[in-house]
N, C-alpha and C. Protein backbone atom coordinates (compact mmCIF):
# COMPACT_ATOMS: atom_id res chain seq x y z
N MET A 1 94.77 138.83 101.90
CA MET A 1 96.08 138.65 101.19
C MET A 1 95.90 138.84 99.64
N GLU A 2 97.02 139.42 99.14
CA GLU A 2 96.90 139.63 97.72
C GLU A 2 97.60 138.54 96.95
N TRP A 3 96.97 137.92 96.10
CA TRP A 3 97.45 136.64 95.37
C TRP A 3 97.61 136.93 93.84
N PHE A 4 98.57 136.23 93.34
CA PHE A 4 98.75 136.14 91.80
C PHE A 4 99.21 137.53 91.29
N LYS A 5 99.82 138.35 92.00
CA LYS A 5 100.39 139.64 91.60
C LYS A 5 101.73 139.37 90.93
N THR A 6 101.91 139.75 89.78
CA THR A 6 103.18 139.48 89.01
C THR A 6 103.87 140.70 88.56
N GLN A 7 105.15 140.57 88.25
CA GLN A 7 105.95 141.64 87.74
C GLN A 7 107.00 141.04 86.70
N THR A 8 107.43 141.83 85.84
CA THR A 8 108.47 141.34 84.87
C THR A 8 109.77 142.04 85.18
N VAL A 9 110.83 141.22 85.32
CA VAL A 9 112.18 141.70 85.42
C VAL A 9 113.06 140.97 84.45
N ASN A 10 113.80 141.74 83.64
CA ASN A 10 114.78 141.12 82.69
C ASN A 10 114.07 140.04 81.89
N ASP A 11 112.88 140.40 81.40
CA ASP A 11 112.07 139.43 80.58
C ASP A 11 111.59 138.19 81.25
N LYS A 12 111.70 138.12 82.57
CA LYS A 12 111.23 136.95 83.40
C LYS A 12 110.11 137.39 84.27
N THR A 13 109.10 136.56 84.31
CA THR A 13 107.98 136.80 85.22
C THR A 13 108.11 136.34 86.58
N ALA A 14 107.76 137.12 87.54
CA ALA A 14 107.85 136.71 88.95
C ALA A 14 106.46 136.91 89.55
N VAL A 15 106.12 136.04 90.50
CA VAL A 15 104.87 136.21 91.25
C VAL A 15 105.14 136.57 92.69
N PHE A 16 104.31 137.39 93.23
CA PHE A 16 104.48 137.71 94.66
C PHE A 16 103.90 136.59 95.58
N ASP A 17 104.70 136.00 96.41
CA ASP A 17 104.21 134.96 97.27
C ASP A 17 103.92 135.62 98.62
N PRO A 18 102.63 135.77 98.97
CA PRO A 18 102.31 136.48 100.22
C PRO A 18 102.71 135.81 101.47
N LEU A 19 103.05 134.54 101.39
CA LEU A 19 103.50 133.84 102.57
C LEU A 19 105.04 133.94 102.85
N ARG A 20 105.76 134.05 101.77
CA ARG A 20 107.17 134.28 101.79
C ARG A 20 107.46 135.75 101.74
N ARG A 21 106.42 136.60 101.32
CA ARG A 21 106.53 138.01 101.32
C ARG A 21 107.62 138.47 100.33
N GLN A 22 107.81 137.82 99.25
CA GLN A 22 108.70 138.26 98.27
C GLN A 22 108.26 137.71 96.86
N TYR A 23 108.92 138.30 95.82
CA TYR A 23 108.63 137.75 94.47
C TYR A 23 109.52 136.65 94.24
N VAL A 24 108.91 135.67 93.51
CA VAL A 24 109.69 134.39 93.13
C VAL A 24 109.42 134.11 91.70
N ALA A 25 110.36 133.44 90.99
CA ALA A 25 110.25 133.10 89.53
C ALA A 25 108.97 132.33 89.35
N LEU A 26 108.23 132.73 88.39
CA LEU A 26 106.95 132.08 88.10
C LEU A 26 107.21 130.90 87.17
N THR A 27 107.61 129.82 87.69
CA THR A 27 107.89 128.59 86.97
C THR A 27 106.64 127.81 86.94
N PRO A 28 106.50 126.80 86.04
CA PRO A 28 105.28 126.02 86.01
C PRO A 28 104.94 125.34 87.36
N GLU A 29 105.95 124.93 88.11
CA GLU A 29 105.78 124.33 89.38
C GLU A 29 105.26 125.44 90.40
N GLU A 30 105.86 126.69 90.28
CA GLU A 30 105.50 127.78 91.25
C GLU A 30 104.06 128.12 91.07
N GLN A 31 103.68 128.16 89.76
CA GLN A 31 102.26 128.38 89.44
C GLN A 31 101.29 127.45 90.20
N VAL A 32 101.62 126.14 90.22
CA VAL A 32 100.82 125.20 90.92
C VAL A 32 100.89 125.40 92.39
N ARG A 33 102.19 125.73 92.95
CA ARG A 33 102.33 125.91 94.35
C ARG A 33 101.49 127.09 94.84
N GLN A 34 101.44 128.17 94.07
CA GLN A 34 100.70 129.30 94.48
C GLN A 34 99.21 129.08 94.39
N LYS A 35 98.73 128.29 93.58
CA LYS A 35 97.31 127.82 93.58
C LYS A 35 97.00 127.04 94.79
N VAL A 36 97.90 126.15 95.15
CA VAL A 36 97.58 125.30 96.41
C VAL A 36 97.66 126.15 97.60
N LEU A 37 98.59 127.16 97.72
CA LEU A 37 98.77 128.02 98.78
C LEU A 37 97.42 128.78 98.95
N TYR A 38 96.96 129.38 97.84
CA TYR A 38 95.66 130.10 97.85
C TYR A 38 94.54 129.21 98.30
N TYR A 39 94.51 127.92 97.87
CA TYR A 39 93.46 127.02 98.26
C TYR A 39 93.47 126.78 99.86
N LEU A 40 94.79 126.46 100.26
CA LEU A 40 94.92 126.33 101.78
C LEU A 40 94.39 127.44 102.59
N VAL A 41 94.86 128.69 102.23
CA VAL A 41 94.56 129.80 103.07
C VAL A 41 93.29 130.45 102.79
N GLU A 42 92.90 130.65 101.52
CA GLU A 42 91.65 131.32 101.29
C GLU A 42 90.49 130.47 101.22
N VAL A 43 90.59 129.28 100.69
CA VAL A 43 89.44 128.42 100.48
C VAL A 43 89.24 127.58 101.84
N ARG A 44 90.31 126.88 102.22
CA ARG A 44 90.26 126.08 103.44
C ARG A 44 90.35 126.87 104.75
N GLY A 45 90.77 128.07 104.68
CA GLY A 45 90.77 128.92 105.94
C GLY A 45 91.87 128.71 106.92
N LEU A 46 92.92 128.10 106.38
CA LEU A 46 94.08 127.82 107.31
C LEU A 46 94.83 129.16 107.59
N ALA A 47 95.34 129.37 108.80
CA ALA A 47 96.07 130.56 109.07
C ALA A 47 97.37 130.56 108.24
N ALA A 48 97.71 131.60 107.65
CA ALA A 48 98.89 131.61 106.84
C ALA A 48 100.09 131.35 107.60
N GLY A 49 100.06 131.64 108.97
CA GLY A 49 101.30 131.32 109.83
C GLY A 49 101.47 129.86 110.05
N LEU A 50 100.48 129.03 109.72
CA LEU A 50 100.59 127.61 109.84
C LEU A 50 101.08 126.82 108.61
N VAL A 51 101.35 127.69 107.52
CA VAL A 51 101.72 127.11 106.32
C VAL A 51 103.09 127.54 105.91
N ALA A 52 104.03 126.59 105.63
CA ALA A 52 105.42 126.95 105.34
C ALA A 52 105.69 126.61 103.93
N VAL A 53 106.42 127.36 103.28
CA VAL A 53 106.77 127.11 101.77
C VAL A 53 108.30 126.88 101.62
N GLU A 54 108.60 125.97 100.78
CA GLU A 54 109.87 125.45 100.65
C GLU A 54 110.59 125.27 102.01
N TYR A 55 109.94 124.43 102.85
CA TYR A 55 110.39 124.10 104.22
C TYR A 55 111.58 123.15 104.22
N SER A 56 112.77 123.55 104.91
CA SER A 56 113.91 122.75 104.87
C SER A 56 113.77 121.66 105.93
N ILE A 57 114.23 120.46 105.48
CA ILE A 57 114.29 119.33 106.44
C ILE A 57 115.62 118.52 106.19
N LYS A 58 115.98 117.57 106.98
CA LYS A 58 117.01 116.67 106.73
C LYS A 58 116.46 115.34 106.60
N VAL A 59 116.89 114.60 105.58
CA VAL A 59 116.51 113.17 105.38
C VAL A 59 117.88 112.48 105.19
N ASN A 60 118.09 111.58 106.14
CA ASN A 60 119.34 110.80 106.06
C ASN A 60 120.58 111.82 106.10
N ASN A 61 120.43 112.81 106.82
CA ASN A 61 121.46 113.88 106.94
C ASN A 61 121.65 114.68 105.62
N LEU A 62 120.74 114.51 104.77
CA LEU A 62 120.95 115.29 103.42
C LEU A 62 119.75 116.45 103.45
N PRO A 63 120.14 117.65 103.12
CA PRO A 63 119.21 118.65 103.17
C PRO A 63 118.12 118.53 102.00
N LYS A 64 116.91 118.75 102.36
CA LYS A 64 115.83 118.61 101.34
C LYS A 64 114.83 119.67 101.62
N ARG A 65 113.89 119.96 100.67
CA ARG A 65 112.95 121.08 100.78
C ARG A 65 111.60 120.49 100.41
N CYS A 66 110.69 120.56 101.32
CA CYS A 66 109.30 120.31 101.04
C CYS A 66 108.66 121.48 100.39
N ASP A 67 107.82 121.26 99.38
CA ASP A 67 107.14 122.38 98.69
C ASP A 67 106.25 123.15 99.79
N ILE A 68 105.43 122.48 100.40
CA ILE A 68 104.48 123.03 101.49
C ILE A 68 104.42 122.15 102.65
N VAL A 69 104.49 122.71 103.75
CA VAL A 69 104.24 121.94 105.00
C VAL A 69 103.29 122.68 105.82
N VAL A 70 102.16 121.90 106.29
CA VAL A 70 101.00 122.59 107.07
C VAL A 70 101.35 122.09 108.51
N PHE A 71 101.16 123.04 109.41
CA PHE A 71 101.31 122.82 110.84
C PHE A 71 100.03 123.00 111.54
N ASN A 72 99.98 122.35 112.82
CA ASN A 72 98.87 122.62 113.62
C ASN A 72 99.12 123.75 114.56
N ASN A 73 98.22 124.16 115.44
CA ASN A 73 98.42 125.20 116.38
C ASN A 73 99.53 125.07 117.32
N SER A 74 99.89 123.80 117.56
CA SER A 74 100.95 123.34 118.51
C SER A 74 102.32 123.37 117.81
N GLY A 75 102.28 123.70 116.49
CA GLY A 75 103.60 123.68 115.85
C GLY A 75 104.09 122.29 115.28
N GLU A 76 103.16 121.37 115.38
CA GLU A 76 103.50 120.05 114.83
C GLU A 76 103.09 120.03 113.33
N ALA A 77 104.07 119.43 112.50
CA ALA A 77 103.88 119.25 111.07
C ALA A 77 102.71 118.26 110.84
N ARG A 78 101.64 118.54 110.07
CA ARG A 78 100.54 117.80 109.92
C ARG A 78 100.38 117.24 108.46
N MET A 79 101.01 117.97 107.49
CA MET A 79 100.80 117.53 106.05
C MET A 79 101.99 118.14 105.33
N ILE A 80 102.43 117.29 104.34
CA ILE A 80 103.44 117.66 103.32
C ILE A 80 102.62 117.69 102.00
N VAL A 81 102.86 118.77 101.39
CA VAL A 81 102.31 118.88 99.95
C VAL A 81 103.36 119.00 98.98
N GLU A 82 103.41 117.97 98.00
CA GLU A 82 104.41 117.98 96.97
C GLU A 82 103.78 118.45 95.67
N CYS A 83 104.24 119.54 95.14
CA CYS A 83 103.62 120.12 93.93
C CYS A 83 104.57 119.84 92.68
N LYS A 84 103.87 119.61 91.62
CA LYS A 84 104.72 119.44 90.40
C LYS A 84 103.89 120.32 89.38
N ALA A 85 104.71 120.60 88.27
CA ALA A 85 104.11 121.37 87.17
C ALA A 85 102.93 120.70 86.50
N GLU A 86 102.03 121.41 85.98
CA GLU A 86 100.81 120.69 85.34
C GLU A 86 101.22 119.61 84.30
N ASN A 87 102.28 119.79 83.63
CA ASN A 87 102.61 118.79 82.59
C ASN A 87 103.41 117.54 83.17
N VAL A 88 103.60 117.57 84.55
CA VAL A 88 104.28 116.34 85.14
C VAL A 88 103.21 115.45 85.72
N GLU A 89 103.29 114.17 85.31
CA GLU A 89 102.34 113.19 85.79
C GLU A 89 102.62 112.90 87.16
N ILE A 90 101.57 112.70 88.00
CA ILE A 90 101.76 112.18 89.38
C ILE A 90 101.82 110.69 89.32
N THR A 91 103.10 110.27 89.59
CA THR A 91 103.39 108.82 89.51
C THR A 91 104.00 108.31 90.91
N GLY A 92 104.27 107.01 90.87
CA GLY A 92 104.86 106.41 92.13
C GLY A 92 106.19 107.02 92.44
N LYS A 93 106.82 107.64 91.56
CA LYS A 93 108.12 108.30 91.75
C LYS A 93 107.86 109.56 92.64
N VAL A 94 106.77 110.32 92.31
CA VAL A 94 106.43 111.47 93.11
C VAL A 94 106.00 111.08 94.46
N LEU A 95 105.23 109.99 94.54
CA LEU A 95 104.82 109.52 95.91
C LEU A 95 106.15 109.07 96.77
N ASP A 96 107.08 108.39 96.03
CA ASP A 96 108.37 107.99 96.75
C ASP A 96 109.01 109.19 97.34
N GLN A 97 109.00 110.33 96.48
CA GLN A 97 109.62 111.61 96.96
C GLN A 97 108.99 112.17 98.21
N ALA A 98 107.64 112.17 98.22
CA ALA A 98 106.89 112.56 99.36
C ALA A 98 107.14 111.66 100.59
N ILE A 99 107.24 110.37 100.38
CA ILE A 99 107.49 109.45 101.46
C ILE A 99 108.91 109.71 102.13
N ARG A 100 109.92 110.03 101.23
CA ARG A 100 111.23 110.38 101.77
C ARG A 100 111.06 111.57 102.62
N TYR A 101 110.35 112.62 102.27
CA TYR A 101 110.09 113.78 102.99
C TYR A 101 109.40 113.43 104.33
N TYR A 102 108.45 112.54 104.21
CA TYR A 102 107.72 112.09 105.37
C TYR A 102 108.66 111.45 106.46
N SER A 103 109.65 110.75 106.00
CA SER A 103 110.60 110.14 106.86
C SER A 103 111.40 111.16 107.74
N GLY A 104 111.39 112.49 107.30
CA GLY A 104 112.06 113.50 108.01
C GLY A 104 111.06 114.32 108.94
N LEU A 105 109.76 114.15 108.70
CA LEU A 105 108.75 115.01 109.31
C LEU A 105 107.76 114.22 110.12
N GLN A 106 107.37 112.97 109.61
CA GLN A 106 106.40 112.10 110.32
C GLN A 106 104.98 112.84 110.32
N THR A 107 104.54 113.39 109.23
CA THR A 107 103.27 114.03 109.20
C THR A 107 102.09 112.92 109.07
N GLU A 108 100.90 113.41 109.43
CA GLU A 108 99.77 112.47 109.21
C GLU A 108 99.28 112.42 107.89
N PHE A 109 99.50 113.45 107.06
CA PHE A 109 98.98 113.54 105.72
C PHE A 109 100.04 113.85 104.69
N LEU A 110 99.83 113.30 103.54
CA LEU A 110 100.72 113.55 102.25
C LEU A 110 99.77 114.01 101.19
N THR A 111 100.05 115.05 100.50
CA THR A 111 99.25 115.39 99.31
C THR A 111 100.21 115.60 98.09
N LEU A 112 99.86 115.02 97.03
CA LEU A 112 100.56 115.27 95.71
C LEU A 112 99.64 115.88 94.72
N THR A 113 100.15 116.89 94.07
CA THR A 113 99.33 117.59 93.01
C THR A 113 100.18 118.07 91.87
N ASN A 114 99.57 118.21 90.72
CA ASN A 114 100.10 118.96 89.64
C ASN A 114 99.08 119.98 89.13
N GLY A 115 98.25 120.34 90.08
CA GLY A 115 97.33 121.37 89.66
C GLY A 115 96.03 120.87 88.88
N LYS A 116 96.13 119.72 88.32
CA LYS A 116 95.14 119.11 87.53
C LYS A 116 94.48 117.94 88.47
N SER A 117 95.45 117.24 89.01
CA SER A 117 95.05 116.05 89.82
C SER A 117 95.60 116.31 91.22
N MET A 118 94.93 115.76 92.14
CA MET A 118 95.38 115.85 93.69
C MET A 118 95.13 114.50 94.27
N PHE A 119 96.16 114.02 94.98
CA PHE A 119 96.06 112.77 95.65
C PHE A 119 96.44 112.95 97.13
N CYS A 120 95.58 112.57 97.92
CA CYS A 120 95.77 112.81 99.38
C CYS A 120 95.78 111.47 100.08
N TYR A 121 96.71 111.38 101.02
CA TYR A 121 96.92 110.08 101.81
C TYR A 121 97.01 110.41 103.36
N ARG A 122 96.55 109.46 104.08
CA ARG A 122 96.71 109.48 105.55
C ARG A 122 97.89 108.47 105.86
N VAL A 123 98.72 108.75 106.72
CA VAL A 123 99.76 107.88 107.09
C VAL A 123 99.42 107.48 108.60
N SER A 124 99.24 106.12 108.73
CA SER A 124 98.85 105.61 110.06
C SER A 124 99.62 104.30 110.31
N ASP A 125 100.33 104.12 111.27
CA ASP A 125 101.21 102.84 111.58
C ASP A 125 102.09 102.52 110.42
N GLY A 126 102.58 103.49 109.76
CA GLY A 126 103.56 103.20 108.67
C GLY A 126 102.77 102.90 107.36
N ARG A 127 101.51 102.99 107.27
CA ARG A 127 100.74 102.51 106.05
C ARG A 127 100.05 103.78 105.45
N LEU A 128 99.96 103.77 104.15
CA LEU A 128 99.34 104.88 103.48
C LEU A 128 97.93 104.55 103.13
N SER A 129 96.92 105.35 103.29
CA SER A 129 95.58 105.08 102.98
C SER A 129 95.25 106.22 102.08
N ALA A 130 94.73 105.95 100.82
CA ALA A 130 94.33 107.00 99.98
C ALA A 130 92.98 107.66 100.52
N LEU A 131 92.83 108.95 100.42
CA LEU A 131 91.55 109.65 100.83
C LEU A 131 90.84 110.05 99.60
N ASP A 132 89.50 110.08 99.76
CA ASP A 132 88.64 110.42 98.71
C ASP A 132 88.64 112.01 98.51
N GLU A 133 88.93 112.74 99.57
CA GLU A 133 88.94 114.15 99.50
C GLU A 133 89.96 114.76 100.30
N PHE A 134 90.15 116.09 100.13
CA PHE A 134 91.21 116.76 100.98
C PHE A 134 90.83 116.71 102.43
N PRO A 135 91.73 116.38 103.37
CA PRO A 135 91.41 116.21 104.77
C PRO A 135 91.27 117.44 105.48
N ASP A 136 90.51 117.36 106.59
CA ASP A 136 90.36 118.61 107.51
C ASP A 136 91.64 118.51 108.31
N ILE A 137 92.45 119.56 108.33
CA ILE A 137 93.66 119.49 109.15
C ILE A 137 93.76 120.81 109.96
């Protein structure tokens, strides 16, 4: 896969997302999202077809979008990844957002990142447990 290919249109930079197969605006959050996607597919070896970007869900009948959702081979959602721009601190508010998304998908793992810090959690029996490293999924 070709990663981090950019183009400029009307003085705005766009990056090619090989998973969505299109150019998207290169915002600070998108920059982090692309790095995470690269990590998942190229470093961790996940099949690109098991990784969804800006995945639509419903939470309390309201439409929401998860930055990244990782599925297993059976099509079950295993992890939600919430990406923030590098200058956004990962706080309890970001965790609350991921937990709201969890309520719509019931994944086993939640990951929060701003590209500088990454926090991974396992959800079991409604409880969050912080992980020391990125889980094998």
